[in-house]
Amino acid sequence: MKKLIGLFVFLLGAAQMTDGREEKFEIEFEYPTDKSETCLSDVQSWSASERKFVSRNPRGPIVECHLLRDEFLVCEEPAVLYGPGQTGPHPANHSFRNEGKCLKMGGYKAQEVELTSVKCKVLDCIECHGPRSFRVWKPCVIYTGHYFLTTLLYSIFLGLVAVDRFCLGYSAMAVGKLMTLGGFGVWWIVDIFLLVLGYLGPADDSNWEPNW
């Protein structure tokens, strides 16, 4: 009973304090104008390459353009230095990597894949802070519509007539394989093992299309 009386007295006092007037609560927000502001105090000691990935205004609503994900960018495709399937002298330096060029495309292992710097541009419908065109390091990988599972099925069921070699772009070898009915069966079996082990791929040095 005492608690109810105390609660009634408290509510009565609160009603008298408001004096029948409605109180207004306002929250003031001041947009940070210091673009060099950062949440990290030791950023100045970082190298230029490390500071590149730090937002100059982390409390602001606009993301730095160079921090956007790939789906918001349009980037150039990496290109082979000497053309598909061609070779040439090894360059004296690696300046060609700053132009989106690669010595070779793809690789059977991740550590075998080269990196090159390609030019990227932010999509017109995306708002961001900073330069909208910049260079990004990308793996030397291209896709030209070749699927591993499809090619493997071609090799198993139609390898005797060289359908797999034709699809991969090895036209000259495919004709020889076709004329000998899969190298009298030996070439047919060998190509299946080469595909499974990863030693046979598209002739244009492209990678297999991902399945996701």
N, C-alpha and C. Protein backbone atom coordinates (compact mmCIF):
# COMPACT_ATOMS: atom_id res chain seq x y z
N MET A 1 0.83 -1.20 0.00
CA MET A 1 0.00 0.00 0.00
C MET A 1 0.87 1.26 0.00
N LYS A 2 1.97 1.20 0.77
CA LYS A 2 2.87 2.36 0.83
C LYS A 2 3.51 2.62 -0.53
N LYS A 3 3.82 1.51 -1.27
CA LYS A 3 4.43 1.68 -2.59
C LYS A 3 3.46 2.34 -3.56
N LEU A 4 2.19 1.99 -3.50
CA LEU A 4 1.20 2.59 -4.38
C LEU A 4 1.03 4.07 -4.08
N ILE A 5 1.05 4.41 -2.78
CA ILE A 5 0.91 5.82 -2.39
C ILE A 5 2.12 6.62 -2.89
N GLY A 6 3.33 6.03 -2.74
CA GLY A 6 4.54 6.71 -3.20
C GLY A 6 4.53 6.92 -4.71
N LEU A 7 4.06 5.92 -5.46
CA LEU A 7 3.99 6.05 -6.91
C LEU A 7 3.00 7.13 -7.31
N PHE A 8 1.86 7.22 -6.60
CA PHE A 8 0.86 8.24 -6.90
C PHE A 8 1.42 9.63 -6.65
N VAL A 9 2.16 9.79 -5.55
CA VAL A 9 2.75 11.09 -5.23
C VAL A 9 3.78 11.49 -6.30
N PHE A 10 4.56 10.51 -6.77
CA PHE A 10 5.58 10.79 -7.79
C PHE A 10 4.94 11.24 -9.09
N LEU A 11 3.89 10.55 -9.52
CA LEU A 11 3.21 10.92 -10.76
C LEU A 11 2.55 12.28 -10.64
N LEU A 12 2.00 12.58 -9.47
CA LEU A 12 1.37 13.88 -9.25
C LEU A 12 2.40 15.00 -9.33
N GLY A 13 3.59 14.79 -8.75
CA GLY A 13 4.64 15.79 -8.81
C GLY A 13 5.14 16.00 -10.23
N ALA A 14 5.23 14.92 -11.00
CA ALA A 14 5.68 15.04 -12.39
C ALA A 14 4.68 15.82 -13.22
N ALA A 15 3.39 15.60 -12.95
CA ALA A 15 2.35 16.32 -13.68
C ALA A 15 2.40 17.81 -13.37
N GLN A 16 2.71 18.16 -12.11
CA GLN A 16 2.80 19.57 -11.74
C GLN A 16 4.01 20.24 -12.37
N MET A 17 5.10 19.46 -12.53
CA MET A 17 6.32 20.04 -13.12
C MET A 17 6.11 20.40 -14.58
N THR A 18 5.38 19.56 -15.30
CA THR A 18 5.13 19.86 -16.71
C THR A 18 4.16 21.01 -16.88
N ASP A 19 3.33 21.23 -15.86
CA ASP A 19 2.39 22.36 -15.86
C ASP A 19 1.52 22.35 -17.11
N GLY A 20 1.16 21.16 -17.53
CA GLY A 20 0.25 21.05 -18.66
C GLY A 20 0.88 21.34 -20.00
N ARG A 21 2.17 21.56 -20.04
CA ARG A 21 2.84 21.86 -21.29
C ARG A 21 3.60 20.63 -21.78
N GLU A 22 3.63 20.44 -23.08
CA GLU A 22 4.29 19.28 -23.69
C GLU A 22 5.76 19.61 -23.92
N GLU A 23 6.64 18.75 -23.38
CA GLU A 23 8.07 18.98 -23.53
C GLU A 23 8.55 18.46 -24.88
N LYS A 24 9.54 19.12 -25.43
CA LYS A 24 10.13 18.72 -26.70
C LYS A 24 11.59 18.32 -26.47
N PHE A 25 11.93 17.19 -27.04
CA PHE A 25 13.30 16.70 -26.93
C PHE A 25 13.95 16.83 -28.31
N GLU A 26 15.05 17.52 -28.37
CA GLU A 26 15.76 17.72 -29.62
C GLU A 26 17.19 17.20 -29.50
N ILE A 27 17.63 16.54 -30.55
CA ILE A 27 18.99 16.02 -30.59
C ILE A 27 19.72 16.72 -31.74
N GLU A 28 20.76 17.38 -31.42
CA GLU A 28 21.52 18.11 -32.43
C GLU A 28 22.66 17.22 -32.94
N PHE A 29 22.77 17.15 -34.25
CA PHE A 29 23.85 16.38 -34.88
C PHE A 29 24.67 17.31 -35.76
N GLU A 30 25.93 17.30 -35.53
CA GLU A 30 26.83 18.16 -36.29
C GLU A 30 27.68 17.29 -37.20
N TYR A 31 27.51 17.44 -38.51
CA TYR A 31 28.25 16.63 -39.47
C TYR A 31 29.73 16.96 -39.40
N PRO A 32 30.58 15.94 -39.29
CA PRO A 32 32.02 16.21 -39.21
C PRO A 32 32.55 16.79 -40.52
N THR A 33 33.18 17.95 -40.40
CA THR A 33 33.68 18.64 -41.60
C THR A 33 35.18 18.42 -41.81
N ASP A 34 35.84 17.88 -40.81
CA ASP A 34 37.28 17.65 -40.93
C ASP A 34 37.51 16.36 -41.70
N LYS A 35 37.82 16.46 -42.99
CA LYS A 35 37.98 15.28 -43.84
C LYS A 35 39.24 14.50 -43.50
N SER A 36 40.19 15.11 -42.81
CA SER A 36 41.41 14.39 -42.47
C SER A 36 41.27 13.63 -41.16
N GLU A 37 40.09 13.68 -40.54
CA GLU A 37 39.87 13.03 -39.26
C GLU A 37 39.91 11.52 -39.41
N THR A 38 40.45 10.84 -38.45
CA THR A 38 40.50 9.38 -38.48
C THR A 38 40.38 8.85 -37.07
N CYS A 39 39.90 7.61 -36.96
CA CYS A 39 39.74 6.98 -35.66
C CYS A 39 41.05 6.42 -35.14
N LEU A 40 42.05 6.31 -35.97
CA LEU A 40 43.32 5.71 -35.58
C LEU A 40 44.35 6.81 -35.37
N SER A 41 45.00 6.78 -34.21
CA SER A 41 45.93 7.85 -33.87
C SER A 41 47.30 7.66 -34.50
N ASP A 42 47.64 6.44 -34.88
CA ASP A 42 48.99 6.19 -35.38
C ASP A 42 49.03 6.02 -36.89
N VAL A 43 48.00 6.52 -37.59
CA VAL A 43 47.96 6.35 -39.05
C VAL A 43 49.11 7.09 -39.72
N GLN A 44 49.53 8.20 -39.15
CA GLN A 44 50.58 9.00 -39.78
C GLN A 44 51.89 8.23 -39.90
N SER A 45 52.09 7.24 -39.04
CA SER A 45 53.32 6.45 -39.10
C SER A 45 53.24 5.33 -40.11
N TRP A 46 52.07 5.13 -40.72
CA TRP A 46 51.91 4.06 -41.70
C TRP A 46 52.53 4.46 -43.03
N SER A 47 52.78 3.48 -43.86
CA SER A 47 53.30 3.75 -45.20
C SER A 47 52.16 4.24 -46.09
N ALA A 48 52.53 4.78 -47.26
CA ALA A 48 51.51 5.31 -48.18
C ALA A 48 50.57 4.22 -48.66
N SER A 49 51.08 3.02 -48.89
CA SER A 49 50.22 1.93 -49.35
C SER A 49 49.24 1.49 -48.27
N GLU A 50 49.63 1.60 -46.99
CA GLU A 50 48.73 1.24 -45.90
C GLU A 50 47.68 2.32 -45.67
N ARG A 51 48.08 3.58 -45.77
CA ARG A 51 47.12 4.67 -45.57
C ARG A 51 46.08 4.73 -46.67
N LYS A 52 46.36 4.11 -47.80
CA LYS A 52 45.43 4.12 -48.93
C LYS A 52 44.10 3.49 -48.56
N PHE A 53 44.11 2.52 -47.64
CA PHE A 53 42.90 1.79 -47.30
C PHE A 53 42.25 2.32 -46.02
N VAL A 54 42.61 3.51 -45.59
CA VAL A 54 42.01 4.13 -44.41
C VAL A 54 41.14 5.28 -44.85
N SER A 55 39.90 5.31 -44.39
CA SER A 55 38.99 6.38 -44.75
C SER A 55 39.42 7.68 -44.09
N ARG A 56 39.38 8.76 -44.83
CA ARG A 56 39.75 10.07 -44.28
C ARG A 56 38.63 10.67 -43.44
N ASN A 57 37.45 10.12 -43.53
CA ASN A 57 36.31 10.61 -42.74
C ASN A 57 35.46 9.41 -42.33
N PRO A 58 35.95 8.59 -41.39
CA PRO A 58 35.26 7.33 -41.06
C PRO A 58 33.89 7.51 -40.45
N ARG A 59 33.61 8.70 -39.85
CA ARG A 59 32.30 8.92 -39.25
C ARG A 59 31.28 9.50 -40.22
N GLY A 60 31.71 9.78 -41.43
CA GLY A 60 30.81 10.31 -42.44
C GLY A 60 30.04 9.21 -43.14
N PRO A 61 28.94 9.55 -43.81
CA PRO A 61 28.10 8.54 -44.47
C PRO A 61 28.60 8.10 -45.83
N ILE A 62 29.58 8.79 -46.42
CA ILE A 62 30.03 8.48 -47.78
C ILE A 62 31.31 7.66 -47.73
N VAL A 63 31.34 6.58 -48.47
CA VAL A 63 32.49 5.67 -48.50
C VAL A 63 33.53 6.20 -49.48
N GLU A 64 34.80 5.98 -49.17
CA GLU A 64 35.87 6.33 -50.11
C GLU A 64 35.72 5.48 -51.37
N CYS A 65 35.91 6.08 -52.53
CA CYS A 65 35.70 5.38 -53.80
C CYS A 65 36.60 4.16 -53.94
N HIS A 66 37.85 4.28 -53.51
CA HIS A 66 38.78 3.16 -53.70
C HIS A 66 38.52 2.02 -52.73
N LEU A 67 37.59 2.19 -51.79
CA LEU A 67 37.24 1.12 -50.86
C LEU A 67 35.98 0.37 -51.27
N LEU A 68 35.37 0.76 -52.39
CA LEU A 68 34.15 0.09 -52.85
C LEU A 68 34.46 -1.33 -53.31
N ARG A 69 33.45 -2.19 -53.23
CA ARG A 69 33.61 -3.57 -53.67
C ARG A 69 33.52 -3.67 -55.19
N ASP A 70 33.90 -4.82 -55.71
CA ASP A 70 34.01 -5.00 -57.16
C ASP A 70 32.68 -4.81 -57.88
N GLU A 71 31.55 -5.14 -57.24
CA GLU A 71 30.27 -5.03 -57.93
C GLU A 71 29.86 -3.59 -58.20
N PHE A 72 30.55 -2.62 -57.59
CA PHE A 72 30.25 -1.21 -57.83
C PHE A 72 31.26 -0.56 -58.79
N LEU A 73 32.13 -1.36 -59.38
CA LEU A 73 33.18 -0.84 -60.25
C LEU A 73 33.09 -1.46 -61.64
N VAL A 74 33.60 -0.74 -62.62
CA VAL A 74 33.80 -1.26 -63.97
C VAL A 74 35.30 -1.22 -64.24
N CYS A 75 35.91 -2.39 -64.42
CA CYS A 75 37.36 -2.47 -64.56
C CYS A 75 37.75 -3.04 -65.92
N GLU A 76 38.92 -2.63 -66.37
CA GLU A 76 39.47 -3.20 -67.60
C GLU A 76 39.86 -4.66 -67.36
N GLU A 77 39.84 -5.45 -68.42
CA GLU A 77 40.26 -6.85 -68.32
C GLU A 77 41.78 -6.94 -68.48
N PRO A 78 42.44 -7.78 -67.67
CA PRO A 78 43.87 -8.00 -67.88
C PRO A 78 44.14 -8.56 -69.27
N ALA A 79 45.26 -8.18 -69.86
CA ALA A 79 45.61 -8.63 -71.21
C ALA A 79 47.00 -9.25 -71.21
N VAL A 80 47.19 -10.22 -72.09
CA VAL A 80 48.49 -10.87 -72.22
C VAL A 80 49.47 -9.94 -72.93
N LEU A 81 50.70 -9.90 -72.47
CA LEU A 81 51.69 -8.97 -73.01
C LEU A 81 51.98 -9.23 -74.48
N TYR A 82 52.10 -10.49 -74.88
CA TYR A 82 52.44 -10.83 -76.26
C TYR A 82 51.28 -11.45 -77.03
N GLY A 83 50.08 -11.40 -76.49
CA GLY A 83 48.94 -11.97 -77.18
C GLY A 83 48.70 -13.41 -76.75
N PRO A 84 47.47 -13.92 -76.92
CA PRO A 84 47.12 -15.28 -76.51
C PRO A 84 47.98 -16.33 -77.21
N GLY A 85 48.57 -17.21 -76.42
CA GLY A 85 49.35 -18.31 -76.97
C GLY A 85 50.70 -17.92 -77.54
N GLN A 86 51.12 -16.65 -77.40
CA GLN A 86 52.39 -16.19 -77.95
C GLN A 86 53.39 -15.94 -76.83
N THR A 87 54.66 -16.04 -77.15
CA THR A 87 55.73 -15.80 -76.19
C THR A 87 56.71 -14.79 -76.75
N GLY A 88 57.52 -14.24 -75.87
CA GLY A 88 58.52 -13.26 -76.29
C GLY A 88 59.59 -13.13 -75.23
N PRO A 89 60.54 -12.23 -75.43
CA PRO A 89 61.61 -12.05 -74.44
C PRO A 89 61.07 -11.54 -73.11
N HIS A 90 61.69 -12.00 -72.05
CA HIS A 90 61.25 -11.57 -70.72
C HIS A 90 61.62 -10.11 -70.51
N PRO A 91 60.66 -9.26 -70.12
CA PRO A 91 60.95 -7.83 -69.93
C PRO A 91 62.01 -7.61 -68.87
N ALA A 92 62.78 -6.53 -69.03
CA ALA A 92 63.84 -6.22 -68.08
C ALA A 92 63.29 -5.78 -66.74
N ASN A 93 62.10 -5.20 -66.72
CA ASN A 93 61.47 -4.78 -65.47
C ASN A 93 60.00 -5.16 -65.51
N HIS A 94 59.31 -4.85 -64.44
CA HIS A 94 57.90 -5.23 -64.32
C HIS A 94 56.97 -4.03 -64.53
N SER A 95 57.43 -3.03 -65.29
CA SER A 95 56.59 -1.85 -65.52
C SER A 95 55.33 -2.19 -66.30
N PHE A 96 55.35 -3.28 -67.06
CA PHE A 96 54.17 -3.65 -67.84
C PHE A 96 52.99 -4.01 -66.94
N ARG A 97 53.28 -4.39 -65.69
CA ARG A 97 52.19 -4.74 -64.77
C ARG A 97 51.39 -3.50 -64.37
N ASN A 98 51.97 -2.32 -64.51
CA ASN A 98 51.24 -1.09 -64.22
C ASN A 98 50.34 -0.66 -65.36
N GLU A 99 50.34 -1.42 -66.45
CA GLU A 99 49.52 -1.11 -67.63
C GLU A 99 48.46 -2.18 -67.88
N GLY A 100 48.23 -3.05 -66.90
CA GLY A 100 47.22 -4.09 -67.05
C GLY A 100 47.66 -5.27 -67.90
N LYS A 101 48.99 -5.45 -68.08
CA LYS A 101 49.51 -6.55 -68.89
C LYS A 101 50.00 -7.69 -68.01
N CYS A 102 49.99 -8.90 -68.58
CA CYS A 102 50.44 -10.10 -67.88
C CYS A 102 51.35 -10.90 -68.80
N LEU A 103 52.37 -11.55 -68.21
CA LEU A 103 53.21 -12.44 -69.00
C LEU A 103 52.43 -13.69 -69.42
N LYS A 104 51.60 -14.18 -68.53
CA LYS A 104 50.75 -15.33 -68.84
C LYS A 104 49.45 -15.19 -68.06
N MET A 105 48.42 -15.85 -68.56
CA MET A 105 47.12 -15.78 -67.91
C MET A 105 46.87 -17.06 -67.12
N GLY A 106 46.19 -16.90 -65.99
CA GLY A 106 45.76 -18.04 -65.21
C GLY A 106 46.89 -18.81 -64.56
N GLY A 107 46.56 -20.01 -64.11
CA GLY A 107 47.50 -20.89 -63.43
C GLY A 107 46.74 -22.00 -62.74
N TYR A 108 47.40 -23.13 -62.55
CA TYR A 108 46.74 -24.26 -61.92
C TYR A 108 46.70 -24.12 -60.40
N LYS A 109 47.58 -23.28 -59.83
CA LYS A 109 47.61 -23.04 -58.40
C LYS A 109 47.52 -21.53 -58.16
N ALA A 110 47.04 -21.17 -56.97
CA ALA A 110 46.85 -19.75 -56.66
C ALA A 110 48.17 -18.99 -56.71
N GLN A 111 49.25 -19.61 -56.23
CA GLN A 111 50.54 -18.91 -56.20
C GLN A 111 51.15 -18.75 -57.58
N GLU A 112 50.59 -19.44 -58.58
CA GLU A 112 51.09 -19.31 -59.95
C GLU A 112 50.42 -18.17 -60.71
N VAL A 113 49.35 -17.62 -60.18
CA VAL A 113 48.60 -16.57 -60.86
C VAL A 113 49.28 -15.21 -60.65
N GLU A 114 49.56 -14.51 -61.72
CA GLU A 114 50.19 -13.19 -61.64
C GLU A 114 49.15 -12.13 -61.28
N LEU A 115 49.66 -10.98 -60.84
CA LEU A 115 48.81 -9.82 -60.55
C LEU A 115 49.21 -8.67 -61.47
N THR A 116 48.24 -7.87 -61.85
CA THR A 116 48.50 -6.70 -62.68
C THR A 116 47.58 -5.56 -62.26
N SER A 117 47.98 -4.34 -62.58
CA SER A 117 47.22 -3.16 -62.18
C SER A 117 46.33 -2.71 -63.34
N VAL A 118 45.01 -2.77 -63.13
CA VAL A 118 44.06 -2.38 -64.17
C VAL A 118 43.32 -1.11 -63.73
N LYS A 119 42.81 -0.37 -64.70
CA LYS A 119 42.09 0.86 -64.43
C LYS A 119 40.63 0.55 -64.14
N CYS A 120 40.10 1.09 -63.05
CA CYS A 120 38.71 0.88 -62.66
C CYS A 120 38.00 2.22 -62.52
N LYS A 121 36.69 2.19 -62.74
CA LYS A 121 35.86 3.38 -62.65
C LYS A 121 34.60 3.03 -61.86
N VAL A 122 34.19 3.94 -60.99
CA VAL A 122 32.98 3.74 -60.19
C VAL A 122 31.75 3.91 -61.07
N LEU A 123 30.74 3.07 -60.86
CA LEU A 123 29.49 3.19 -61.61
C LEU A 123 28.87 4.57 -61.40
N ASP A 124 28.23 5.09 -62.43
CA ASP A 124 27.68 6.45 -62.38
C ASP A 124 26.62 6.61 -61.29
N CYS A 125 25.90 5.54 -60.98
CA CYS A 125 24.81 5.64 -60.01
C CYS A 125 25.29 5.52 -58.56
N ILE A 126 26.59 5.35 -58.34
CA ILE A 126 27.13 5.18 -57.00
C ILE A 126 27.78 6.48 -56.54
N GLU A 127 27.43 6.91 -55.33
CA GLU A 127 28.02 8.12 -54.75
C GLU A 127 29.13 7.72 -53.79
N CYS A 128 30.28 8.34 -53.94
CA CYS A 128 31.41 8.04 -53.07
C CYS A 128 32.31 9.27 -52.99
N HIS A 129 33.31 9.20 -52.13
CA HIS A 129 34.21 10.33 -51.91
C HIS A 129 35.57 10.03 -52.53
N GLY A 130 36.13 11.01 -53.20
CA GLY A 130 37.45 10.86 -53.78
C GLY A 130 37.41 10.63 -55.28
N PRO A 131 38.57 10.39 -55.89
CA PRO A 131 38.62 10.15 -57.34
C PRO A 131 37.79 8.94 -57.74
N ARG A 132 37.04 9.07 -58.83
CA ARG A 132 36.17 7.99 -59.27
C ARG A 132 36.88 7.03 -60.23
N SER A 133 38.07 7.37 -60.65
CA SER A 133 38.88 6.48 -61.49
C SER A 133 40.21 6.24 -60.79
N PHE A 134 40.63 5.00 -60.74
CA PHE A 134 41.86 4.64 -60.05
C PHE A 134 42.29 3.26 -60.55
N ARG A 135 43.45 2.81 -60.12
CA ARG A 135 43.98 1.52 -60.53
C ARG A 135 43.89 0.53 -59.37
N VAL A 136 43.57 -0.72 -59.71
CA VAL A 136 43.40 -1.79 -58.72
C VAL A 136 44.20 -3.00 -59.18
N TRP A 137 44.82 -3.68 -58.23
CA TRP A 137 45.55 -4.90 -58.55
C TRP A 137 44.58 -6.06 -58.70
N LYS A 138 44.62 -6.71 -59.86
CA LYS A 138 43.72 -7.82 -60.16
C LYS A 138 44.54 -9.04 -60.60
N PRO A 139 44.03 -10.25 -60.35
CA PRO A 139 44.73 -11.45 -60.85
C PRO A 139 44.63 -11.55 -62.36
N CYS A 140 45.66 -12.10 -62.97
CA CYS A 140 45.68 -12.29 -64.43
C CYS A 140 44.83 -13.50 -64.79
N VAL A 141 43.53 -13.31 -64.72
CA VAL A 141 42.57 -14.38 -64.99
C VAL A 141 41.48 -13.83 -65.89
N ILE A 142 41.15 -14.57 -66.95
CA ILE A 142 40.03 -14.21 -67.81
C ILE A 142 39.13 -15.43 -67.99
N TYR A 143 37.88 -15.17 -68.31
CA TYR A 143 36.90 -16.24 -68.52
C TYR A 143 36.30 -16.07 -69.91
N THR A 144 36.25 -17.17 -70.66
CA THR A 144 35.73 -17.11 -72.03
C THR A 144 34.64 -18.15 -72.27
N GLY A 145 33.97 -18.58 -71.20
CA GLY A 145 32.82 -19.46 -71.37
C GLY A 145 33.13 -20.94 -71.38
N HIS A 146 34.30 -21.35 -70.91
CA HIS A 146 34.64 -22.78 -70.85
C HIS A 146 34.34 -23.32 -69.46
N TYR A 147 33.55 -24.40 -69.40
CA TYR A 147 33.19 -25.04 -68.14
C TYR A 147 33.90 -26.39 -68.04
N PHE A 148 34.49 -26.65 -66.89
CA PHE A 148 35.26 -27.88 -66.72
C PHE A 148 34.39 -29.12 -66.84
N LEU A 149 33.24 -29.14 -66.17
CA LEU A 149 32.39 -30.33 -66.18
C LEU A 149 31.89 -30.63 -67.59
N THR A 150 31.49 -29.60 -68.32
CA THR A 150 31.02 -29.80 -69.70
C THR A 150 32.13 -30.37 -70.58
N THR A 151 33.33 -29.81 -70.45
CA THR A 151 34.45 -30.30 -71.25
C THR A 151 34.82 -31.73 -70.88
N LEU A 152 34.75 -32.06 -69.60
CA LEU A 152 35.06 -33.42 -69.16
C LEU A 152 34.05 -34.42 -69.72
N LEU A 153 32.78 -34.05 -69.74
CA LEU A 153 31.77 -34.94 -70.32
C LEU A 153 31.99 -35.11 -71.82
N TYR A 154 32.36 -34.02 -72.50
CA TYR A 154 32.70 -34.13 -73.92
C TYR A 154 33.86 -35.11 -74.12
N SER A 155 34.87 -35.00 -73.26
CA SER A 155 36.05 -35.84 -73.41
C SER A 155 35.73 -37.31 -73.17
N ILE A 156 34.84 -37.59 -72.22
CA ILE A 156 34.50 -38.98 -71.91
C ILE A 156 33.64 -39.61 -72.99
N PHE A 157 32.58 -38.90 -73.38
CA PHE A 157 31.60 -39.50 -74.28
C PHE A 157 31.85 -39.19 -75.76
N LEU A 158 32.50 -38.05 -76.05
CA LEU A 158 32.72 -37.67 -77.45
C LEU A 158 34.19 -37.44 -77.76
N GLY A 159 35.06 -37.95 -76.88
CA GLY A 159 36.49 -37.76 -77.09
C GLY A 159 37.03 -38.48 -78.30
N LEU A 160 36.40 -39.57 -78.69
CA LEU A 160 36.87 -40.32 -79.86
C LEU A 160 36.77 -39.50 -81.15
N VAL A 161 35.82 -38.55 -81.17
CA VAL A 161 35.68 -37.69 -82.35
C VAL A 161 36.20 -36.28 -82.06
N ALA A 162 36.98 -36.13 -80.99
CA ALA A 162 37.74 -34.90 -80.68
C ALA A 162 36.87 -33.68 -80.40
N VAL A 163 35.65 -33.89 -79.89
CA VAL A 163 34.80 -32.74 -79.57
C VAL A 163 35.42 -31.90 -78.47
N ASP A 164 36.08 -32.55 -77.50
CA ASP A 164 36.68 -31.81 -76.40
C ASP A 164 37.80 -30.89 -76.89
N ARG A 165 38.64 -31.38 -77.78
CA ARG A 165 39.73 -30.56 -78.30
C ARG A 165 39.22 -29.41 -79.15
N PHE A 166 38.18 -29.65 -79.93
CA PHE A 166 37.58 -28.57 -80.72
C PHE A 166 37.03 -27.48 -79.81
N CYS A 167 36.35 -27.87 -78.73
CA CYS A 167 35.74 -26.89 -77.82
C CYS A 167 36.80 -26.06 -77.09
N LEU A 168 37.94 -26.67 -76.80
CA LEU A 168 38.99 -25.95 -76.09
C LEU A 168 39.82 -25.06 -77.00
N GLY A 169 39.66 -25.21 -78.31
CA GLY A 169 40.37 -24.34 -79.24
C GLY A 169 41.60 -24.94 -79.87
N TYR A 170 41.85 -26.23 -79.65
CA TYR A 170 43.01 -26.88 -80.26
C TYR A 170 42.58 -27.51 -81.59
N SER A 171 42.36 -26.70 -82.58
CA SER A 171 41.78 -27.18 -83.85
C SER A 171 42.70 -28.17 -84.57
N ALA A 172 44.00 -27.85 -84.65
CA ALA A 172 44.93 -28.73 -85.37
C ALA A 172 45.02 -30.10 -84.71
N MET A 173 45.16 -30.11 -83.38
CA MET A 173 45.21 -31.37 -82.66
C MET A 173 43.89 -32.12 -82.77
N ALA A 174 42.80 -31.36 -82.77
CA ALA A 174 41.48 -31.99 -82.86
C ALA A 174 41.30 -32.73 -84.17
N VAL A 175 41.81 -32.16 -85.26
CA VAL A 175 41.70 -32.83 -86.56
C VAL A 175 42.47 -34.14 -86.55
N GLY A 176 43.68 -34.12 -85.99
CA GLY A 176 44.47 -35.35 -85.90
C GLY A 176 43.81 -36.39 -85.02
N LYS A 177 43.22 -35.94 -83.93
CA LYS A 177 42.53 -36.87 -83.04
C LYS A 177 41.29 -37.45 -83.69
N LEU A 178 40.61 -36.63 -84.48
CA LEU A 178 39.40 -37.09 -85.17
C LEU A 178 39.75 -38.10 -86.26
N MET A 179 40.79 -37.84 -87.02
CA MET A 179 41.16 -38.73 -88.12
C MET A 179 41.63 -40.09 -87.63
N THR A 180 42.15 -40.15 -86.41
CA THR A 180 42.64 -41.43 -85.87
C THR A 180 41.69 -42.01 -84.83
N LEU A 181 40.46 -41.43 -84.77
CA LEU A 181 39.47 -41.88 -83.78
C LEU A 181 40.06 -41.91 -82.37
N GLY A 182 40.47 -40.73 -81.95
CA GLY A 182 41.01 -40.61 -80.60
C GLY A 182 42.36 -41.24 -80.44
N GLY A 183 43.18 -41.19 -81.50
CA GLY A 183 44.51 -41.79 -81.41
C GLY A 183 44.42 -43.27 -81.11
N PHE A 184 43.45 -43.94 -81.79
CA PHE A 184 43.19 -45.37 -81.59
C PHE A 184 42.86 -45.68 -80.12
N GLY A 185 42.21 -44.71 -79.49
CA GLY A 185 41.77 -44.90 -78.11
C GLY A 185 42.75 -44.41 -77.07
N VAL A 186 44.02 -44.34 -77.42
CA VAL A 186 45.04 -43.92 -76.45
C VAL A 186 44.94 -42.43 -76.16
N TRP A 187 44.86 -41.62 -77.22
CA TRP A 187 44.75 -40.17 -77.06
C TRP A 187 43.48 -39.82 -76.29
N TRP A 188 42.43 -40.52 -76.55
CA TRP A 188 41.16 -40.29 -75.86
C TRP A 188 41.32 -40.47 -74.35
N ILE A 189 41.97 -41.56 -73.91
CA ILE A 189 42.17 -41.82 -72.49
C ILE A 189 43.13 -40.80 -71.88
N VAL A 190 44.18 -40.48 -72.62
CA VAL A 190 45.17 -39.53 -72.11
C VAL A 190 44.55 -38.16 -71.86
N ASP A 191 43.70 -37.69 -72.77
CA ASP A 191 43.06 -36.37 -72.59
C ASP A 191 42.16 -36.33 -71.37
N ILE A 192 41.50 -37.44 -71.08
CA ILE A 192 40.65 -37.49 -69.88
C ILE A 192 41.49 -37.29 -68.63
N PHE A 193 42.63 -37.99 -68.57
CA PHE A 193 43.51 -37.85 -67.41
C PHE A 193 44.12 -36.45 -67.35
N LEU A 194 44.47 -35.88 -68.49
CA LEU A 194 45.03 -34.52 -68.50
C LEU A 194 44.03 -33.50 -67.98
N LEU A 195 42.77 -33.66 -68.33
CA LEU A 195 41.73 -32.76 -67.83
C LEU A 195 41.55 -32.90 -66.33
N VAL A 196 41.47 -34.13 -65.85
CA VAL A 196 41.23 -34.37 -64.43
C VAL A 196 42.40 -33.86 -63.59
N LEU A 197 43.62 -34.04 -64.07
CA LEU A 197 44.81 -33.62 -63.32
C LEU A 197 45.11 -32.14 -63.46
N GLY A 198 44.41 -31.44 -64.35
CA GLY A 198 44.59 -30.00 -64.49
C GLY A 198 45.66 -29.58 -65.46
N TYR A 199 46.12 -30.47 -66.31
CA TYR A 199 47.17 -30.14 -67.27
C TYR A 199 46.63 -29.78 -68.65
N LEU A 200 45.34 -29.83 -68.82
CA LEU A 200 44.72 -29.47 -70.10
C LEU A 200 43.63 -28.44 -69.85
N GLY A 201 43.73 -27.31 -70.50
CA GLY A 201 42.75 -26.24 -70.34
C GLY A 201 42.50 -25.55 -71.66
N PRO A 202 41.75 -24.45 -71.65
CA PRO A 202 41.46 -23.71 -72.88
C PRO A 202 42.73 -23.21 -73.57
N ALA A 203 42.70 -23.21 -74.90
CA ALA A 203 43.88 -22.80 -75.67
C ALA A 203 44.18 -21.32 -75.55
N ASP A 204 43.19 -20.51 -75.18
CA ASP A 204 43.39 -19.06 -75.07
C ASP A 204 43.88 -18.64 -73.69
N ASP A 205 44.34 -19.60 -72.89
CA ASP A 205 44.88 -19.34 -71.54
C ASP A 205 43.84 -18.81 -70.57
N SER A 206 42.58 -18.94 -70.89
CA SER A 206 41.54 -18.51 -69.95
C SER A 206 41.30 -19.59 -68.90
N ASN A 207 40.64 -19.20 -67.82
CA ASN A 207 40.32 -20.13 -66.74
C ASN A 207 38.94 -20.73 -66.93
N TRP A 208 38.70 -21.82 -66.21
CA TRP A 208 37.36 -22.41 -66.23
C TRP A 208 36.36 -21.47 -65.58
N GLU A 209 35.19 -21.40 -66.13
CA GLU A 209 34.13 -20.57 -65.54
C GLU A 209 33.76 -21.13 -64.16
N PRO A 210 33.60 -20.25 -63.16
CA PRO A 210 33.18 -20.74 -61.83
C PRO A 210 31.75 -21.26 -61.88
N ASN A 211 31.44 -22.18 -60.99
CA ASN A 211 30.12 -22.82 -60.98
C ASN A 211 29.13 -22.12 -60.07
N TRP A 212 29.53 -21.04 -59.39
CA TRP A 212 28.59 -20.33 -58.51
C TRP A 212 28.04 -19.10 -59.20
